[in-house]
Amino acid sequence: NYGDGVFESIRFANNRINFWEDHYFRLMASMRILRMQIPSTFSPEYLEQQIRDTLMAAELEKGAARIKILVYRKNGGLYTPATNEIDYLITVSKLDDAQYILNEKGLKVDLFRDYYKSKGLLSTIKSSNSQIYILASIYKKENELDECFILNDDKMLAESSSSNVFVVKGDQIFTPPVSDGCVKGIMRKNVIKVLNEMNIEVVEQSLSPFELQVAEEVFLTNAISGVRWVHTYRKKIYTNELSQNLISRLNIKAVLGYELSI
C-alpha cells in the first residue's frame, strides 16, 4: 500500500548473472537503509540459486533474461509497520539479445520539469515508490520523446527516467554525483570503472541543463541496456564514438566474463 520496498533489475546472459556481486550488496545496503530485517538465509549463493531456479521454471536458463528481485516488508500495520521482516518476489522475462547492443537510432531527449527529485540517502536506492519515474515516462510518451532528464530540487541534472547520465566534453566525462539525487547505479559504477581502465577521466560533479548544450556526446547507462547514446537534445545533436567503444568493452567484461586488458 505504501511503496515500502526495494528492487534490483539484473541482466542474465551466457549462463551468468551480470554484476551479481554489485547487485547483491546494493540490495543488502538498501534493505538496511529501510530498516528491513535481512533473513539469515539471504546469502549471495542462496539468492543466486533462487534466481536460477526461477529461470529454469520459466525455461530461460539457456537464453538471455531480465531479472527483477523485489523485497518488501511483510503485511501488517499502516505507516507504522507491524514487523520489519520481509517477503520477496523474483520475476524473469525474456530478452532478445545475449550481448549489450548499442541503439542504432540515437535517443531524442528533453527535460522533465513538472516535478523535481529530492536529494538524500533515500534517493540513491531502487525504491518501489517510483512515482517520479512513472510521471516522467508519461511525459516522455506524451511529447514523443525517447527519454527525459529528471532534475533535482536545485534544478541540476540527476538522472533520466530509467538511467544514469554521462556527459562528454573534450577529454573529460562528467556525471552527476550520487549526492545530487541519482540512483547509485550498478552500470554507472562499472562504466566509471571501465572508463578509468581506458585512462579516461570521469568527474563526478553537479551538472546544469546548460552543460547539455555544450557537450559533444551524451549517453545513458542502466543494468539492462548497458549504454544508450543520445542523438538529440532540443536542437543539439551528439556523436556516439565513445558509446560504441564502451558497449564493446562492457560485453567483454560482463557478458563474456573476461577481465579487460588495456
Protein backbone atom coordinates (compact mmCIF):
# COMPACT_ATOMS: atom_id res chain seq x y z
CA ASN A 1 0.00 0.00 0.00
CA TYR A 2 2.84 2.42 0.73
CA GLY A 3 5.58 1.63 -1.78
CA ASP A 4 7.63 0.18 1.08
CA GLY A 5 10.10 -1.90 -0.88
CA VAL A 6 13.31 -2.01 -2.91
CA PHE A 7 14.20 -3.87 -6.08
CA GLU A 8 17.06 -4.82 -8.36
CA SER A 9 16.85 -5.12 -12.15
CA ILE A 10 19.51 -7.56 -13.33
CA ARG A 11 20.64 -8.94 -16.67
CA PHE A 12 21.24 -12.66 -17.26
CA ALA A 13 23.07 -13.99 -20.33
CA ASN A 14 25.52 -16.74 -21.26
CA ASN A 15 24.65 -18.52 -18.01
CA ARG A 16 25.92 -15.55 -16.00
CA ILE A 17 24.12 -13.09 -13.74
CA ASN A 18 25.81 -9.87 -14.80
CA PHE A 19 27.48 -7.93 -11.97
CA TRP A 20 25.75 -10.16 -9.43
CA GLU A 21 28.02 -9.20 -6.52
CA ASP A 22 27.35 -5.49 -7.08
CA HIS A 23 23.60 -6.05 -7.26
CA TYR A 24 23.59 -8.24 -4.15
CA PHE A 25 25.48 -5.77 -1.97
CA ARG A 26 23.39 -2.82 -3.17
CA LEU A 27 20.23 -4.77 -2.28
CA MET A 28 21.56 -5.55 1.21
CA ALA A 29 22.57 -1.90 1.73
CA SER A 30 19.14 -0.69 0.59
CA MET A 31 17.38 -3.07 2.98
CA ARG A 32 19.48 -1.75 5.85
CA ILE A 33 18.65 1.84 4.94
CA LEU A 34 14.94 0.94 5.08
CA ARG A 35 15.35 -0.85 8.44
CA MET A 36 14.32 -4.19 6.95
CA GLN A 37 15.28 -7.38 8.75
CA ILE A 38 17.62 -9.31 6.46
CA PRO A 39 16.95 -13.07 6.73
CA SER A 40 19.90 -15.20 7.78
CA THR A 41 19.39 -17.27 4.61
CA PHE A 42 19.94 -14.25 2.31
CA SER A 43 23.45 -15.13 1.22
CA PRO A 44 24.64 -14.40 -2.34
CA GLU A 45 24.65 -18.15 -3.03
CA TYR A 46 21.09 -18.63 -1.75
CA LEU A 47 19.62 -15.77 -3.78
CA GLU A 48 21.55 -16.78 -6.89
CA GLN A 49 20.09 -20.27 -6.61
CA GLN A 50 16.58 -18.81 -6.24
CA ILE A 51 17.18 -16.77 -9.39
CA ARG A 52 18.45 -19.79 -11.32
CA ASP A 53 15.51 -21.91 -10.15
CA THR A 54 13.13 -19.21 -11.40
CA LEU A 55 14.92 -19.00 -14.75
CA MET A 56 14.71 -22.77 -15.09
CA ALA A 57 11.00 -22.79 -14.25
CA ALA A 58 10.46 -20.18 -16.97
CA GLU A 59 12.68 -22.12 -19.40
CA LEU A 60 15.03 -19.15 -19.73
CA GLU A 61 18.18 -20.67 -18.21
CA LYS A 62 19.78 -21.07 -21.66
CA GLY A 63 18.87 -17.65 -23.04
CA ALA A 64 19.01 -14.01 -22.04
CA ALA A 65 16.64 -12.63 -19.44
CA ARG A 66 15.72 -9.64 -17.34
CA ILE A 67 15.53 -10.46 -13.63
CA LYS A 68 13.74 -8.42 -11.01
CA ILE A 69 14.12 -9.05 -7.29
CA LEU A 70 11.53 -7.16 -5.26
CA VAL A 71 11.88 -7.09 -1.46
CA TYR A 72 9.07 -5.66 0.68
CA ARG A 73 8.07 -5.61 4.32
CA LYS A 74 5.59 -8.25 5.47
CA ASN A 75 1.94 -7.25 5.72
CA GLY A 76 0.62 -5.55 8.83
CA GLY A 77 0.30 -2.03 10.20
CA LEU A 78 -0.25 1.25 8.40
CA TYR A 79 2.52 3.88 8.27
CA THR A 80 3.97 2.09 11.29
CA PRO A 81 4.78 -1.47 10.17
CA ALA A 82 3.81 -4.37 12.40
CA THR A 83 7.12 -6.07 11.57
CA ASN A 84 10.42 -5.44 9.82
CA GLU A 85 10.50 -8.97 8.44
CA ILE A 86 10.38 -9.23 4.65
CA ASP A 87 8.92 -11.17 1.79
CA TYR A 88 10.44 -11.20 -1.67
CA LEU A 89 9.44 -11.87 -5.24
CA ILE A 90 11.64 -12.85 -8.20
CA THR A 91 10.31 -12.38 -11.73
CA VAL A 92 12.04 -13.08 -15.04
CA SER A 93 11.27 -12.14 -18.63
CA LYS A 94 12.95 -12.92 -21.92
CA LEU A 95 15.50 -10.60 -23.54
CA ASP A 96 16.21 -10.86 -27.26
CA ASP A 97 19.97 -10.31 -27.16
CA ALA A 98 22.63 -12.02 -25.08
CA GLN A 99 25.00 -9.10 -25.60
CA TYR A 100 24.56 -5.41 -24.95
CA ILE A 101 23.54 -3.82 -28.24
CA LEU A 102 24.03 -0.11 -28.81
CA ASN A 103 20.87 1.58 -30.05
CA GLU A 104 21.19 2.24 -33.80
CA LYS A 105 18.96 5.29 -33.64
CA GLY A 106 20.10 7.82 -31.07
CA LEU A 107 17.64 8.93 -28.41
CA LYS A 108 15.61 12.11 -28.56
CA VAL A 109 15.52 13.66 -25.07
CA ASP A 110 14.34 16.74 -23.19
CA LEU A 111 13.88 17.93 -19.61
CA PHE A 112 11.07 16.84 -17.28
CA ARG A 113 10.20 19.90 -15.18
CA ASP A 114 6.82 19.04 -13.67
CA TYR A 115 8.41 17.63 -10.51
CA TYR A 116 11.91 17.54 -9.04
CA LYS A 117 13.75 14.78 -7.22
CA SER A 118 14.87 15.39 -3.65
CA LYS A 119 18.49 14.74 -2.75
CA GLY A 120 19.39 12.39 0.08
CA LEU A 121 20.18 8.82 1.03
CA LEU A 122 16.70 7.58 0.04
CA SER A 123 17.13 8.99 -3.47
CA THR A 124 20.07 6.64 -4.11
CA ILE A 125 18.16 3.35 -3.74
CA LYS A 126 15.94 1.50 -6.22
CA SER A 127 12.71 2.08 -4.34
CA SER A 128 9.35 0.58 -5.28
CA ASN A 129 7.98 4.09 -4.72
CA SER A 130 8.69 5.18 -8.29
CA GLN A 131 6.13 7.88 -8.98
CA ILE A 132 8.54 10.49 -10.35
CA TYR A 133 9.85 7.97 -12.90
CA ILE A 134 6.33 6.99 -13.91
CA LEU A 135 5.29 10.63 -14.36
CA ALA A 136 8.48 11.40 -16.29
CA SER A 137 7.83 8.41 -18.55
CA ILE A 138 4.26 9.54 -19.18
CA TYR A 139 5.61 12.99 -20.07
CA LYS A 140 8.10 11.31 -22.41
CA LYS A 141 5.33 9.41 -24.16
CA GLU A 142 3.05 12.43 -24.44
CA ASN A 143 5.82 14.50 -26.02
CA GLU A 144 7.10 11.79 -28.38
CA LEU A 145 10.49 11.56 -26.67
CA ASP A 146 12.67 8.50 -26.16
CA GLU A 147 13.84 9.65 -22.72
CA CYS A 148 13.74 12.68 -20.46
CA PHE A 149 16.07 14.06 -17.82
CA ILE A 150 14.95 14.40 -14.20
CA LEU A 151 16.24 17.41 -12.26
CA ASN A 152 16.88 17.59 -8.53
CA ASP A 153 15.48 20.29 -6.26
CA ASP A 154 18.46 22.53 -7.12
CA LYS A 155 17.38 22.30 -10.80
CA MET A 156 20.53 20.32 -11.62
CA LEU A 157 20.66 17.08 -13.63
CA ALA A 158 20.06 13.99 -11.52
CA GLU A 159 19.35 11.17 -13.98
CA SER A 160 16.90 10.16 -16.70
CA SER A 161 13.59 8.36 -16.21
CA SER A 162 15.41 5.00 -16.28
CA SER A 163 19.16 5.59 -16.36
CA ASN A 164 22.20 7.43 -15.09
CA VAL A 165 23.59 10.23 -17.26
CA PHE A 166 27.11 10.81 -18.63
CA VAL A 167 28.18 13.97 -20.49
CA VAL A 168 31.32 14.11 -22.67
CA LYS A 169 33.22 17.38 -23.11
CA GLY A 170 36.66 17.27 -24.68
CA ASP A 171 38.82 14.63 -22.97
CA GLN A 172 36.69 14.57 -19.81
CA ILE A 173 33.47 12.81 -18.91
CA PHE A 174 31.08 14.21 -16.33
CA THR A 175 28.31 12.51 -14.38
CA PRO A 176 26.13 13.78 -11.52
CA PRO A 177 27.39 12.65 -8.10
CA VAL A 178 25.18 10.36 -6.03
CA SER A 179 24.76 13.29 -3.61
CA ASP A 180 22.81 15.13 -6.35
CA GLY A 181 19.96 12.62 -6.15
CA CYS A 182 20.73 9.97 -8.74
CA VAL A 183 20.29 6.26 -8.11
CA LYS A 184 23.55 4.55 -7.18
CA GLY A 185 23.52 2.64 -10.45
CA ILE A 186 25.33 -0.66 -10.92
CA MET A 187 26.05 0.05 -14.59
CA ARG A 188 27.09 3.59 -13.65
CA LYS A 189 29.67 2.12 -11.25
CA ASN A 190 31.01 -0.32 -13.83
CA VAL A 191 31.11 2.19 -16.69
CA ILE A 192 33.18 4.51 -14.49
CA LYS A 193 35.49 1.56 -13.77
CA VAL A 194 35.83 0.74 -17.50
CA LEU A 195 36.50 4.38 -18.37
CA ASN A 196 39.21 4.57 -15.72
CA GLU A 197 40.78 1.42 -17.21
CA MET A 198 40.77 3.27 -20.54
CA ASN A 199 42.65 6.17 -18.84
CA ILE A 200 39.68 8.47 -19.39
CA GLU A 201 38.97 10.87 -16.55
CA VAL A 202 35.48 10.76 -15.05
CA VAL A 203 34.46 13.78 -12.99
CA GLU A 204 31.52 13.46 -10.63
CA GLN A 205 30.10 16.96 -10.31
CA SER A 206 26.81 18.85 -10.42
CA LEU A 207 25.63 19.47 -13.98
CA SER A 208 23.22 22.17 -15.05
CA PRO A 209 20.98 21.64 -18.10
CA PHE A 210 23.22 24.16 -19.90
CA GLU A 211 26.01 21.56 -19.92
CA LEU A 212 23.90 19.52 -22.34
CA GLN A 213 24.12 22.35 -24.88
CA VAL A 214 27.94 22.38 -24.92
CA ALA A 215 28.55 18.62 -24.71
CA GLU A 216 29.91 16.57 -27.60
CA GLU A 217 28.35 13.27 -26.54
CA VAL A 218 25.72 12.23 -24.00
CA PHE A 219 24.94 8.63 -23.06
CA LEU A 220 22.73 6.85 -20.55
CA THR A 221 23.51 3.70 -18.56
CA ASN A 222 21.46 1.04 -16.81
CA ALA A 223 21.85 -2.62 -15.91
CA ILE A 224 19.58 -3.97 -18.65
CA SER A 225 20.55 -1.89 -21.70
CA GLY A 226 24.16 -1.18 -20.81
CA VAL A 227 24.79 2.06 -22.73
CA ARG A 228 22.38 4.07 -24.89
CA TRP A 229 23.53 7.12 -26.81
CA VAL A 230 21.59 10.35 -27.12
CA HIS A 231 21.30 11.87 -30.58
CA THR A 232 19.21 14.98 -29.94
CA TYR A 233 18.54 17.30 -27.02
CA ARG A 234 16.31 20.07 -28.35
CA LYS A 235 18.39 21.44 -31.27
CA LYS A 236 21.69 19.95 -30.10
CA ILE A 237 23.00 16.85 -31.94
CA TYR A 238 25.60 14.49 -30.47
CA THR A 239 28.08 11.89 -31.68
CA ASN A 240 28.36 8.32 -30.33
CA GLU A 241 32.02 7.31 -30.72
CA LEU A 242 32.67 6.67 -27.03
CA SER A 243 29.34 4.90 -26.59
CA GLN A 244 30.31 2.39 -29.29
CA ASN A 245 33.63 1.74 -27.61
CA LEU A 246 32.01 1.27 -24.21
CA ILE A 247 29.47 -1.26 -25.47
CA SER A 248 32.25 -3.44 -26.86
CA ARG A 249 34.22 -3.34 -23.62
CA LEU A 250 31.15 -3.99 -21.46
CA ASN A 251 30.37 -7.10 -23.48
CA ILE A 252 33.89 -8.40 -22.84
CA LYS A 253 33.69 -7.59 -19.14
CA ALA A 254 30.10 -8.52 -18.29
CA VAL A 255 28.72 -10.93 -20.85
CA LEU A 256 31.76 -12.99 -21.83
CA GLY A 257 33.13 -12.95 -18.31
CA TYR A 258 36.64 -11.84 -19.16
CA GLU A 259 38.60 -9.08 -17.46
CA LEU A 260 39.61 -6.19 -19.67
CA SER A 261 43.26 -5.86 -20.59
CA ILE A 262 44.05 -2.30 -21.59
